[in-house]
Amino acid sequence: MSFCTVRIRIFGLAELMFLLALPVLSWGAEGEPIGSITAIEGEGYILRKGNIAALQAILGTPLYLYDHILTEKNSRVQILFQDESLLNLAENTHIQITEYIYSPEQNRRSVVIQVVMGRVRGIVGRYFTGPGSRYMISTPTDTIMLGGGSFVIDADEGRIQ
């Protein structure tokens, strides 16, 4: 076997290993839970990126980036995130977690939650001052930025309190 053939095989093997590692690399970016269901009353569901069927939300269900969380009539769901912020979803509510970066070492948190419909009450604890830190809630009609404190959003009526 010539030196050239060995070099081609080594590069080919390296390319193959890289291609096989791609799914693992992308899983690492989105695969860590960012929060969980800490209370539930009635029926709640989670739609995961890439899944067609909804999962029934149960106590302790982990949540991931890009998850949609939905509540049915006469139902409520409470979510606790890694940064200790808390969301309470009222009945007939639909949210999506579109961004979640939490790095306490860098004093950084960047959260974007889309309230598609319904009523959400939240408590945002510690204020983060690191570069790019934000806590943003978006509705079909408005967007608010929070540093900390509590909020109530009623996306059906277009009201933010």
N, C-alpha and C. Protein backbone atom coordinates (compact mmCIF):
# COMPACT_ATOMS: atom_id res chain seq x y z
N MET A 1 0.85 -1.16 0.00
CA MET A 1 0.00 0.00 0.00
C MET A 1 0.90 1.24 0.00
N SER A 2 0.62 2.16 -0.91
CA SER A 2 1.45 3.35 -1.03
C SER A 2 1.10 4.36 0.07
N PHE A 3 1.98 5.31 0.26
CA PHE A 3 1.77 6.37 1.24
C PHE A 3 0.52 7.16 0.92
N CYS A 4 0.28 7.42 -0.36
CA CYS A 4 -0.89 8.18 -0.81
C CYS A 4 -2.18 7.43 -0.45
N THR A 5 -2.21 6.12 -0.67
CA THR A 5 -3.40 5.32 -0.36
C THR A 5 -3.68 5.33 1.14
N VAL A 6 -2.63 5.22 1.97
CA VAL A 6 -2.79 5.24 3.43
C VAL A 6 -3.36 6.59 3.86
N ARG A 7 -2.83 7.67 3.28
CA ARG A 7 -3.30 9.01 3.63
C ARG A 7 -4.76 9.20 3.26
N ILE A 8 -5.18 8.70 2.10
CA ILE A 8 -6.58 8.80 1.67
C ILE A 8 -7.47 8.03 2.63
N ARG A 9 -7.04 6.84 3.03
CA ARG A 9 -7.84 6.03 3.95
C ARG A 9 -7.96 6.71 5.32
N ILE A 10 -6.90 7.31 5.79
CA ILE A 10 -6.94 8.00 7.09
C ILE A 10 -7.90 9.19 7.02
N PHE A 11 -7.81 9.98 5.94
CA PHE A 11 -8.74 11.11 5.79
C PHE A 11 -10.17 10.63 5.63
N GLY A 12 -10.36 9.54 4.89
CA GLY A 12 -11.70 8.97 4.72
C GLY A 12 -12.28 8.51 6.05
N LEU A 13 -11.44 7.87 6.87
CA LEU A 13 -11.87 7.42 8.19
C LEU A 13 -12.20 8.61 9.09
N ALA A 14 -11.39 9.66 9.02
CA ALA A 14 -11.65 10.85 9.82
C ALA A 14 -12.97 11.50 9.41
N GLU A 15 -13.25 11.57 8.10
CA GLU A 15 -14.52 12.12 7.62
C GLU A 15 -15.69 11.28 8.10
N LEU A 16 -15.56 9.98 8.03
CA LEU A 16 -16.62 9.09 8.48
C LEU A 16 -16.90 9.29 9.97
N MET A 17 -15.86 9.39 10.78
CA MET A 17 -16.03 9.60 12.22
C MET A 17 -16.72 10.94 12.49
N PHE A 18 -16.36 11.97 11.74
CA PHE A 18 -16.99 13.28 11.91
C PHE A 18 -18.47 13.21 11.57
N LEU A 19 -18.81 12.56 10.45
CA LEU A 19 -20.21 12.44 10.05
C LEU A 19 -21.02 11.64 11.05
N LEU A 20 -20.43 10.61 11.62
CA LEU A 20 -21.13 9.83 12.64
C LEU A 20 -21.31 10.62 13.93
N ALA A 21 -20.39 11.53 14.21
CA ALA A 21 -20.48 12.33 15.44
C ALA A 21 -21.46 13.49 15.32
N LEU A 22 -21.85 13.89 14.12
CA LEU A 22 -22.75 15.03 13.95
C LEU A 22 -24.05 14.91 14.73
N PRO A 23 -24.76 13.78 14.69
CA PRO A 23 -25.98 13.70 15.48
C PRO A 23 -25.72 13.88 16.97
N VAL A 24 -24.60 13.36 17.46
CA VAL A 24 -24.28 13.51 18.87
C VAL A 24 -23.99 14.97 19.19
N LEU A 25 -23.27 15.66 18.31
CA LEU A 25 -22.97 17.06 18.54
C LEU A 25 -24.24 17.90 18.58
N SER A 26 -25.16 17.65 17.67
CA SER A 26 -26.39 18.43 17.67
C SER A 26 -27.26 18.05 18.85
N TRP A 27 -27.21 16.80 19.30
CA TRP A 27 -27.97 16.40 20.48
C TRP A 27 -27.46 17.14 21.70
N GLY A 28 -26.14 17.31 21.81
CA GLY A 28 -25.58 18.00 22.95
C GLY A 28 -26.05 19.44 23.04
N ALA A 29 -26.30 20.09 21.91
CA ALA A 29 -26.74 21.48 21.91
C ALA A 29 -28.19 21.61 22.37
N GLU A 30 -29.02 20.62 22.05
CA GLU A 30 -30.44 20.71 22.40
C GLU A 30 -30.87 19.62 23.37
N GLY A 31 -29.98 18.73 23.75
CA GLY A 31 -30.37 17.56 24.50
C GLY A 31 -30.43 17.69 25.99
N GLU A 32 -30.00 18.79 26.56
CA GLU A 32 -30.02 18.96 28.00
C GLU A 32 -31.36 19.52 28.44
N PRO A 33 -31.99 18.95 29.46
CA PRO A 33 -33.25 19.52 29.96
C PRO A 33 -33.02 20.93 30.50
N ILE A 34 -33.99 21.80 30.24
CA ILE A 34 -33.88 23.19 30.71
C ILE A 34 -34.86 23.48 31.84
N GLY A 35 -35.71 22.53 32.13
CA GLY A 35 -36.68 22.68 33.20
C GLY A 35 -37.53 21.43 33.29
N SER A 36 -38.58 21.50 34.12
CA SER A 36 -39.46 20.35 34.25
C SER A 36 -40.84 20.79 34.73
N ILE A 37 -41.79 19.89 34.58
CA ILE A 37 -43.14 20.11 35.08
C ILE A 37 -43.12 19.85 36.58
N THR A 38 -43.47 20.86 37.38
CA THR A 38 -43.43 20.70 38.83
C THR A 38 -44.82 20.60 39.45
N ALA A 39 -45.86 20.90 38.70
CA ALA A 39 -47.23 20.71 39.17
C ALA A 39 -48.14 20.63 37.95
N ILE A 40 -49.17 19.83 38.08
CA ILE A 40 -50.12 19.71 36.98
C ILE A 40 -51.49 19.39 37.55
N GLU A 41 -52.48 20.02 36.96
CA GLU A 41 -53.87 19.79 37.31
C GLU A 41 -54.63 19.63 36.01
N GLY A 42 -55.30 18.54 35.80
CA GLY A 42 -56.00 18.30 34.55
C GLY A 42 -55.07 17.74 33.50
N GLU A 43 -55.27 18.18 32.25
CA GLU A 43 -54.52 17.64 31.12
C GLU A 43 -53.57 18.68 30.52
N GLY A 44 -52.32 18.28 30.34
CA GLY A 44 -51.34 19.11 29.67
C GLY A 44 -50.55 18.25 28.70
N TYR A 45 -50.04 18.87 27.66
CA TYR A 45 -49.31 18.13 26.63
C TYR A 45 -48.05 18.86 26.23
N ILE A 46 -47.10 18.08 25.71
CA ILE A 46 -45.83 18.63 25.25
C ILE A 46 -45.61 18.16 23.83
N LEU A 47 -45.33 19.11 22.93
CA LEU A 47 -44.96 18.78 21.55
C LEU A 47 -43.46 19.02 21.44
N ARG A 48 -42.72 17.99 21.06
CA ARG A 48 -41.28 18.09 20.94
C ARG A 48 -40.87 18.26 19.49
N LYS A 49 -39.81 19.00 19.28
CA LYS A 49 -39.26 19.21 17.95
C LYS A 49 -38.95 17.85 17.32
N GLY A 50 -39.47 17.64 16.12
CA GLY A 50 -39.22 16.40 15.41
C GLY A 50 -40.21 15.29 15.71
N ASN A 51 -41.08 15.47 16.70
CA ASN A 51 -42.09 14.46 17.02
C ASN A 51 -43.44 14.89 16.49
N ILE A 52 -44.21 13.95 16.00
CA ILE A 52 -45.55 14.24 15.49
C ILE A 52 -46.57 14.15 16.61
N ALA A 53 -46.43 13.15 17.47
CA ALA A 53 -47.40 12.93 18.54
C ALA A 53 -47.04 13.76 19.78
N ALA A 54 -48.07 14.24 20.46
CA ALA A 54 -47.88 14.99 21.71
C ALA A 54 -47.69 14.01 22.86
N LEU A 55 -46.84 14.41 23.80
CA LEU A 55 -46.64 13.63 25.02
C LEU A 55 -47.54 14.18 26.10
N GLN A 56 -48.11 13.32 26.91
CA GLN A 56 -48.90 13.82 28.03
C GLN A 56 -47.95 14.32 29.09
N ALA A 57 -48.20 15.51 29.60
CA ALA A 57 -47.35 16.09 30.64
C ALA A 57 -47.70 15.43 31.97
N ILE A 58 -46.68 14.95 32.66
CA ILE A 58 -46.87 14.40 33.99
C ILE A 58 -45.84 15.05 34.91
N LEU A 59 -46.06 14.93 36.19
CA LEU A 59 -45.16 15.52 37.17
C LEU A 59 -43.74 15.03 36.93
N GLY A 60 -42.80 15.96 36.83
CA GLY A 60 -41.40 15.61 36.63
C GLY A 60 -40.97 15.50 35.18
N THR A 61 -41.88 15.67 34.23
CA THR A 61 -41.51 15.58 32.81
C THR A 61 -40.46 16.65 32.49
N PRO A 62 -39.29 16.26 31.95
CA PRO A 62 -38.29 17.26 31.59
C PRO A 62 -38.73 18.05 30.36
N LEU A 63 -38.30 19.30 30.31
CA LEU A 63 -38.59 20.17 29.16
C LEU A 63 -37.29 20.53 28.47
N TYR A 64 -37.39 20.69 27.15
CA TYR A 64 -36.22 20.97 26.32
C TYR A 64 -36.48 22.19 25.45
N LEU A 65 -35.39 22.74 24.94
CA LEU A 65 -35.49 23.86 24.02
C LEU A 65 -36.40 23.50 22.86
N TYR A 66 -37.23 24.42 22.44
CA TYR A 66 -38.20 24.31 21.34
C TYR A 66 -39.46 23.52 21.69
N ASP A 67 -39.59 23.05 22.94
CA ASP A 67 -40.82 22.38 23.33
C ASP A 67 -42.00 23.34 23.30
N HIS A 68 -43.15 22.80 22.91
CA HIS A 68 -44.43 23.50 23.02
C HIS A 68 -45.14 22.87 24.21
N ILE A 69 -45.69 23.68 25.10
CA ILE A 69 -46.45 23.18 26.23
C ILE A 69 -47.87 23.70 26.09
N LEU A 70 -48.84 22.78 26.18
CA LEU A 70 -50.25 23.13 25.99
C LEU A 70 -51.07 22.63 27.18
N THR A 71 -52.06 23.41 27.57
CA THR A 71 -52.99 22.98 28.60
C THR A 71 -54.40 22.91 28.01
N GLU A 72 -55.19 22.00 28.53
CA GLU A 72 -56.57 21.82 28.10
C GLU A 72 -57.49 22.67 28.99
N LYS A 73 -58.78 22.61 28.70
CA LYS A 73 -59.78 23.29 29.51
C LYS A 73 -59.74 22.74 30.94
N ASN A 74 -59.90 23.63 31.91
CA ASN A 74 -59.87 23.27 33.34
C ASN A 74 -58.55 22.61 33.75
N SER A 75 -57.46 23.02 33.14
CA SER A 75 -56.15 22.44 33.44
C SER A 75 -55.13 23.55 33.71
N ARG A 76 -54.10 23.17 34.46
CA ARG A 76 -53.01 24.09 34.77
C ARG A 76 -51.70 23.30 34.80
N VAL A 77 -50.61 23.99 34.41
CA VAL A 77 -49.28 23.38 34.46
C VAL A 77 -48.32 24.39 35.04
N GLN A 78 -47.44 23.92 35.91
CA GLN A 78 -46.38 24.76 36.47
C GLN A 78 -45.04 24.23 35.99
N ILE A 79 -44.17 25.15 35.57
CA ILE A 79 -42.85 24.81 35.04
C ILE A 79 -41.79 25.51 35.86
N LEU A 80 -40.79 24.77 36.29
CA LEU A 80 -39.63 25.34 36.97
C LEU A 80 -38.42 25.14 36.06
N PHE A 81 -37.75 26.26 35.73
CA PHE A 81 -36.58 26.21 34.85
C PHE A 81 -35.30 26.12 35.67
N GLN A 82 -34.19 25.78 35.01
CA GLN A 82 -32.89 25.66 35.67
C GLN A 82 -32.48 26.94 36.39
N ASP A 83 -32.85 28.09 35.85
CA ASP A 83 -32.47 29.37 36.45
C ASP A 83 -33.40 29.75 37.60
N GLU A 84 -34.29 28.84 37.99
CA GLU A 84 -35.26 29.00 39.07
C GLU A 84 -36.39 29.97 38.75
N SER A 85 -36.55 30.31 37.48
CA SER A 85 -37.74 31.08 37.10
C SER A 85 -38.90 30.09 37.02
N LEU A 86 -40.10 30.60 37.23
CA LEU A 86 -41.28 29.76 37.36
C LEU A 86 -42.39 30.28 36.46
N LEU A 87 -43.03 29.39 35.72
CA LEU A 87 -44.18 29.77 34.90
C LEU A 87 -45.38 28.94 35.31
N ASN A 88 -46.53 29.59 35.42
CA ASN A 88 -47.80 28.92 35.66
C ASN A 88 -48.67 29.16 34.44
N LEU A 89 -49.08 28.08 33.80
CA LEU A 89 -49.92 28.17 32.61
C LEU A 89 -51.36 27.86 33.01
N ALA A 90 -52.27 28.76 32.68
CA ALA A 90 -53.69 28.57 32.95
C ALA A 90 -54.29 27.65 31.89
N GLU A 91 -55.58 27.43 32.00
CA GLU A 91 -56.26 26.57 31.04
C GLU A 91 -56.20 27.16 29.64
N ASN A 92 -56.26 26.28 28.65
CA ASN A 92 -56.26 26.67 27.23
C ASN A 92 -55.09 27.58 26.87
N THR A 93 -53.92 27.20 27.32
CA THR A 93 -52.72 28.00 27.07
C THR A 93 -51.75 27.18 26.21
N HIS A 94 -51.01 27.90 25.37
CA HIS A 94 -50.01 27.29 24.49
C HIS A 94 -48.79 28.20 24.48
N ILE A 95 -47.64 27.66 24.91
CA ILE A 95 -46.39 28.41 24.85
C ILE A 95 -45.35 27.58 24.11
N GLN A 96 -44.31 28.27 23.64
CA GLN A 96 -43.15 27.59 23.07
C GLN A 96 -41.90 28.23 23.65
N ILE A 97 -40.94 27.41 24.01
CA ILE A 97 -39.64 27.89 24.50
C ILE A 97 -38.73 28.00 23.29
N THR A 98 -38.47 29.22 22.84
CA THR A 98 -37.71 29.40 21.59
C THR A 98 -36.23 29.71 21.82
N GLU A 99 -35.87 30.09 23.04
CA GLU A 99 -34.45 30.29 23.36
C GLU A 99 -34.27 30.07 24.85
N TYR A 100 -33.20 29.37 25.20
CA TYR A 100 -32.89 29.19 26.62
C TYR A 100 -31.40 28.95 26.76
N ILE A 101 -30.71 29.97 27.27
CA ILE A 101 -29.28 29.87 27.56
C ILE A 101 -29.11 30.27 29.01
N TYR A 102 -28.52 29.40 29.79
CA TYR A 102 -28.34 29.67 31.22
C TYR A 102 -26.90 29.33 31.59
N SER A 103 -26.15 30.36 32.00
CA SER A 103 -24.76 30.17 32.38
C SER A 103 -24.48 31.01 33.62
N PRO A 104 -24.73 30.45 34.82
CA PRO A 104 -24.51 31.22 36.03
C PRO A 104 -23.05 31.63 36.23
N GLU A 105 -22.12 30.83 35.69
CA GLU A 105 -20.69 31.17 35.80
C GLU A 105 -20.38 32.48 35.09
N GLN A 106 -21.07 32.76 33.99
CA GLN A 106 -20.86 33.98 33.21
C GLN A 106 -21.90 35.05 33.56
N ASN A 107 -22.73 34.79 34.59
CA ASN A 107 -23.80 35.71 34.99
C ASN A 107 -24.69 36.03 33.79
N ARG A 108 -25.07 34.97 33.05
CA ARG A 108 -25.80 35.15 31.80
C ARG A 108 -27.01 34.22 31.72
N ARG A 109 -28.12 34.81 31.31
CA ARG A 109 -29.33 34.05 31.02
C ARG A 109 -30.01 34.74 29.85
N SER A 110 -30.36 33.96 28.85
CA SER A 110 -31.10 34.49 27.72
C SER A 110 -32.28 33.55 27.45
N VAL A 111 -33.47 34.05 27.72
CA VAL A 111 -34.69 33.25 27.61
C VAL A 111 -35.68 33.98 26.71
N VAL A 112 -36.26 33.25 25.77
CA VAL A 112 -37.34 33.78 24.94
C VAL A 112 -38.46 32.75 24.96
N ILE A 113 -39.62 33.19 25.40
CA ILE A 113 -40.80 32.33 25.46
C ILE A 113 -41.90 32.98 24.64
N GLN A 114 -42.45 32.21 23.73
CA GLN A 114 -43.55 32.67 22.87
C GLN A 114 -44.85 32.19 23.49
N VAL A 115 -45.72 33.13 23.87
CA VAL A 115 -47.05 32.78 24.35
C VAL A 115 -47.96 32.85 23.12
N VAL A 116 -48.34 31.70 22.61
CA VAL A 116 -49.17 31.63 21.41
C VAL A 116 -50.60 32.02 21.75
N MET A 117 -51.10 31.50 22.87
CA MET A 117 -52.43 31.86 23.35
C MET A 117 -52.53 31.49 24.82
N GLY A 118 -53.45 32.13 25.50
CA GLY A 118 -53.71 31.77 26.89
C GLY A 118 -53.16 32.76 27.88
N ARG A 119 -53.12 32.30 29.13
CA ARG A 119 -52.72 33.14 30.26
C ARG A 119 -51.53 32.50 30.97
N VAL A 120 -50.49 33.29 31.17
CA VAL A 120 -49.27 32.83 31.83
C VAL A 120 -48.91 33.79 32.94
N ARG A 121 -48.63 33.22 34.09
CA ARG A 121 -48.13 34.00 35.22
C ARG A 121 -46.73 33.51 35.51
N GLY A 122 -45.80 34.43 35.72
CA GLY A 122 -44.43 34.01 35.92
C GLY A 122 -43.72 34.78 37.01
N ILE A 123 -42.68 34.15 37.53
CA ILE A 123 -41.79 34.80 38.49
C ILE A 123 -40.37 34.59 37.97
N VAL A 124 -39.70 35.69 37.74
CA VAL A 124 -38.31 35.67 37.28
C VAL A 124 -37.46 36.15 38.44
N GLY A 125 -36.61 35.27 38.93
CA GLY A 125 -35.82 35.58 40.12
C GLY A 125 -34.66 36.50 39.86
N ARG A 126 -33.48 36.00 40.07
CA ARG A 126 -32.24 36.75 39.99
C ARG A 126 -32.08 37.52 38.68
N TYR A 127 -31.52 38.71 38.79
CA TYR A 127 -31.21 39.54 37.63
C TYR A 127 -29.81 39.20 37.14
N PHE A 128 -29.66 38.91 35.86
CA PHE A 128 -28.37 38.56 35.27
C PHE A 128 -27.84 39.75 34.46
N THR A 129 -26.56 40.05 34.61
CA THR A 129 -25.98 41.22 33.96
C THR A 129 -24.94 40.86 32.90
N GLY A 130 -24.70 39.58 32.68
CA GLY A 130 -23.70 39.16 31.70
C GLY A 130 -24.11 39.58 30.29
N PRO A 131 -23.15 39.60 29.37
CA PRO A 131 -23.44 40.03 27.99
C PRO A 131 -24.53 39.17 27.35
N GLY A 132 -25.49 39.83 26.74
CA GLY A 132 -26.56 39.15 26.04
C GLY A 132 -27.68 38.64 26.94
N SER A 133 -27.65 38.98 28.23
CA SER A 133 -28.68 38.51 29.14
C SER A 133 -30.01 39.20 28.86
N ARG A 134 -31.07 38.38 28.86
CA ARG A 134 -32.42 38.91 28.67
C ARG A 134 -33.43 37.85 29.07
N TYR A 135 -34.61 38.30 29.38
CA TYR A 135 -35.75 37.41 29.62
C TYR A 135 -36.91 38.04 28.87
N MET A 136 -37.30 37.43 27.78
CA MET A 136 -38.26 38.04 26.87
C MET A 136 -39.48 37.13 26.73
N ILE A 137 -40.66 37.75 26.85
CA ILE A 137 -41.92 37.05 26.63
C ILE A 137 -42.57 37.71 25.42
N SER A 138 -42.93 36.89 24.46
CA SER A 138 -43.51 37.40 23.22
C SER A 138 -44.93 36.85 23.06
N THR A 139 -45.84 37.71 22.64
CA THR A 139 -47.22 37.30 22.37
C THR A 139 -47.52 37.69 20.92
N PRO A 140 -48.70 37.33 20.42
CA PRO A 140 -49.04 37.74 19.05
C PRO A 140 -49.09 39.26 18.87
N THR A 141 -49.27 40.02 19.95
CA THR A 141 -49.40 41.47 19.81
C THR A 141 -48.28 42.28 20.45
N ASP A 142 -47.58 41.73 21.43
CA ASP A 142 -46.56 42.49 22.16
C ASP A 142 -45.37 41.62 22.54
N THR A 143 -44.30 42.30 22.95
CA THR A 143 -43.13 41.64 23.50
C THR A 143 -42.70 42.43 24.72
N ILE A 144 -42.37 41.72 25.80
CA ILE A 144 -41.86 42.41 26.99
C ILE A 144 -40.51 41.82 27.36
N MET A 145 -39.68 42.67 27.93
CA MET A 145 -38.38 42.26 28.44
C MET A 145 -38.43 42.41 29.95
N LEU A 146 -37.92 41.40 30.66
CA LEU A 146 -37.91 41.43 32.11
C LEU A 146 -36.50 41.28 32.63
N GLY A 147 -36.22 41.94 33.72
CA GLY A 147 -34.96 41.72 34.41
C GLY A 147 -35.17 40.78 35.57
N GLY A 148 -36.29 40.92 36.20
CA GLY A 148 -36.67 40.10 37.35
C GLY A 148 -38.06 40.52 37.77
N GLY A 149 -38.63 39.84 38.74
CA GLY A 149 -39.97 40.17 39.23
C GLY A 149 -41.01 39.22 38.71
N SER A 150 -42.27 39.66 38.78
CA SER A 150 -43.36 38.79 38.36
C SER A 150 -44.15 39.46 37.23
N PHE A 151 -44.90 38.65 36.51
CA PHE A 151 -45.69 39.16 35.39
C PHE A 151 -46.90 38.27 35.17
N VAL A 152 -47.91 38.83 34.52
CA VAL A 152 -49.07 38.08 34.07
C VAL A 152 -49.32 38.50 32.63
N ILE A 153 -49.50 37.50 31.76
CA ILE A 153 -49.77 37.78 30.35
C ILE A 153 -51.06 37.06 29.97
N ASP A 154 -51.96 37.80 29.37
CA ASP A 154 -53.19 37.21 28.85
C ASP A 154 -53.17 37.44 27.34
N ALA A 155 -52.64 36.45 26.62
CA ALA A 155 -52.46 36.62 25.18
C ALA A 155 -53.78 36.64 24.42
N ASP A 156 -54.82 36.03 24.97
CA ASP A 156 -56.11 36.04 24.29
C ASP A 156 -56.70 37.43 24.23
N GLU A 157 -56.47 38.21 25.26
CA GLU A 157 -57.02 39.56 25.31
C GLU A 157 -55.98 40.61 24.93
N GLY A 158 -54.75 40.17 24.64
CA GLY A 158 -53.70 41.09 24.26
C GLY A 158 -53.25 41.98 25.41
N ARG A 159 -53.40 41.50 26.66
CA ARG A 159 -53.04 42.30 27.82
C ARG A 159 -51.78 41.75 28.48
N ILE A 160 -50.93 42.66 28.88
CA ILE A 160 -49.74 42.30 29.68
C ILE A 160 -49.81 43.14 30.94
N GLN A 161 -49.70 42.48 32.09
CA GLN A 161 -49.75 43.19 33.38
C GLN A 161 -48.44 43.05 34.10
